[in-house]
Each structure stands twice: as C-alpha cells, then as structure tokens.
Amino acid sequence: MKIMVRKTPKGTEVYVPKKDLEEMVVETEKPGLWGGWARLSNGWMLEMPAFPEPPKMPITVDARRLADAE
C-alpha cells in the first residue's frame, strides 16, 4: 500500500491515504525506519522499504502491512 512518512515534532508519522489514517511510529526493527518492520500506534506492523541512505521526508513509499496487535 502507498503510505506517506513524515517527521513531526512528536516523532515519525505515517499517513495511509486509502484508510484516511494517521498514526505515529512507536517501534522499529532496525535503528532508523528503513529496511525492516515498523509498528504504528494503532498496532499495525508495516514492512518498510530499504534505502541505501535515509531519504528526505516527507516521502511516499510502498509498504506492506504485516499484522495487527489484538
């Protein structure tokens, strides 16, 4: 799914346009955001694309939803 990632004063935020969903990134698999999973504040886990160097934000990327927290 296409998502937009941006930095805010509170931290990193993900916006999912098709769901009209804005959630904060609360945990990541790797230091930084890219190349592993990221857990959002609503429990979603997204597989984030890898980049050789961190991209400038805001950025729109393809991410894959892995699981929900119950």
C-alpha atoms as a PDB file:
ATOM      1  CA  MET A   1       0.000   0.000   0.000  1.00  0.00           C
ATOM      2  CA  LYS A   2       1.119   3.561  -0.570  1.00  0.00           C
ATOM      3  CA  ILE A   3       1.919   5.470   2.589  1.00  0.00           C
ATOM      4  CA  MET A   4       3.337   8.894   3.340  1.00  0.00           C
ATOM      5  CA  VAL A   5       6.025   9.175   6.009  1.00  0.00           C
ATOM      6  CA  ARG A   6       6.851  12.499   7.634  1.00  0.00           C
ATOM      7  CA  LYS A   7       8.676  13.882  10.652  1.00  0.00           C
ATOM      8  CA  THR A   8       6.625  15.834  13.187  1.00  0.00           C
ATOM      9  CA  PRO A   9       7.611  17.470  16.479  1.00  0.00           C
ATOM     10  CA  LYS A  10       6.194  14.355  18.244  1.00  0.00           C
ATOM     11  CA  GLY A  11       8.139  11.857  16.089  1.00  0.00           C
ATOM     12  CA  THR A  12       7.696   9.987  12.819  1.00  0.00           C
ATOM     13  CA  GLU A  13       4.148   9.820  11.480  1.00  0.00           C
ATOM     14  CA  VAL A  14       2.657   7.558   8.801  1.00  0.00           C
ATOM     15  CA  TYR A  15      -0.389   8.574   6.752  1.00  0.00           C
ATOM     16  CA  VAL A  16      -2.356   5.931   4.835  1.00  0.00           C
ATOM     17  CA  PRO A  17      -4.498   7.821   2.289  1.00  0.00           C
ATOM     18  CA  LYS A  18      -6.846   4.941   1.355  1.00  0.00           C
ATOM     19  CA  LYS A  19      -7.769   4.445   5.023  1.00  0.00           C
ATOM     20  CA  ASP A  20      -7.540   8.160   5.965  1.00  0.00           C
ATOM     21  CA  LEU A  21      -5.336   7.009   8.835  1.00  0.00           C
ATOM     22  CA  GLU A  22      -2.595   8.984  10.616  1.00  0.00           C
ATOM     23  CA  GLU A  23      -0.544   7.077  13.185  1.00  0.00           C
ATOM     24  CA  MET A  24       2.779   7.553  14.958  1.00  0.00           C
ATOM     25  CA  VAL A  25       5.654   5.074  14.590  1.00  0.00           C
ATOM     26  CA  VAL A  26       6.194   3.629  18.081  1.00  0.00           C
ATOM     27  CA  GLU A  27       8.746   0.856  17.414  1.00  0.00           C
ATOM     28  CA  THR A  28      11.096  -0.219  14.610  1.00  0.00           C
ATOM     29  CA  GLU A  29      13.025  -3.402  13.896  1.00  0.00           C
ATOM     30  CA  LYS A  30      16.217  -1.562  12.934  1.00  0.00           C
ATOM     31  CA  PRO A  31      17.737   1.743  14.001  1.00  0.00           C
ATOM     32  CA  GLY A  32      16.006   4.292  11.847  1.00  0.00           C
ATOM     33  CA  LEU A  33      12.887   3.426   9.925  1.00  0.00           C
ATOM     34  CA  TRP A  34      14.011   1.817   6.696  1.00  0.00           C
ATOM     35  CA  GLY A  35      14.595  -1.823   5.760  1.00  0.00           C
ATOM     36  CA  GLY A  36      12.627  -3.604   8.484  1.00  0.00           C
ATOM     37  CA  TRP A  37       9.262  -3.501  10.166  1.00  0.00           C
ATOM     38  CA  ALA A  38       7.709  -0.505  11.874  1.00  0.00           C
ATOM     39  CA  ARG A  39       4.926  -0.733  14.472  1.00  0.00           C
ATOM     40  CA  LEU A  40       2.331   2.034  14.448  1.00  0.00           C
ATOM     41  CA  SER A  41       0.441   3.363  17.459  1.00  0.00           C
ATOM     42  CA  ASN A  42      -2.733   1.532  16.343  1.00  0.00           C
ATOM     43  CA  GLY A  43      -0.909  -1.844  16.361  1.00  0.00           C
ATOM     44  CA  TRP A  44      -0.320  -2.202  12.618  1.00  0.00           C
ATOM     45  CA  MET A  45       3.069  -3.511  11.547  1.00  0.00           C
ATOM     46  CA  LEU A  46       4.396  -2.364   8.186  1.00  0.00           C
ATOM     47  CA  GLU A  47       7.333  -3.757   6.244  1.00  0.00           C
ATOM     48  CA  MET A  48       9.276  -0.657   5.222  1.00  0.00           C
ATOM     49  CA  PRO A  49      11.394  -0.442   2.071  1.00  0.00           C
ATOM     50  CA  ALA A  50      15.188  -0.327   2.347  1.00  0.00           C
ATOM     51  CA  PHE A  51      17.190   2.663   1.131  1.00  0.00           C
ATOM     52  CA  PRO A  52      20.994   2.936   0.864  1.00  0.00           C
ATOM     53  CA  GLU A  53      20.743   6.316   2.623  1.00  0.00           C
ATOM     54  CA  PRO A  54      17.766   7.677   4.574  1.00  0.00           C
ATOM     55  CA  PRO A  55      15.535   9.658   2.170  1.00  0.00           C
ATOM     56  CA  LYS A  56      14.386  13.219   2.713  1.00  0.00           C
ATOM     57  CA  MET A  57      10.947  13.485   4.272  1.00  0.00           C
ATOM     58  CA  PRO A  58       8.080  13.742   3.650  1.00  0.00           C
ATOM     59  CA  ILE A  59       8.186  10.787   1.262  1.00  0.00           C
ATOM     60  CA  THR A  60       5.586   8.463  -0.277  1.00  0.00           C
ATOM     61  CA  VAL A  61       6.611   4.788  -0.382  1.00  0.00           C
ATOM     62  CA  ASP A  62       5.128   1.332  -0.866  1.00  0.00           C
ATOM     63  CA  ALA A  63       4.869  -0.618   2.385  1.00  0.00           C
ATOM     64  CA  ARG A  64       3.309  -3.971   3.165  1.00  0.00           C
ATOM     65  CA  ARG A  65       1.060  -4.500   6.162  1.00  0.00           C
ATOM     66  CA  LEU A  66       2.250  -7.477   8.213  1.00  0.00           C
ATOM     67  CA  ALA A  67      -0.039  -7.895  11.246  1.00  0.00           C
ATOM     68  CA  ASP A  68      -2.298  -6.244  13.802  1.00  0.00           C
ATOM     69  CA  ALA A  69      -1.980  -6.211  17.564  1.00  0.00           C
ATOM     70  CA  GLU A  70      -5.032  -7.559  19.318  1.00  0.00           C
END
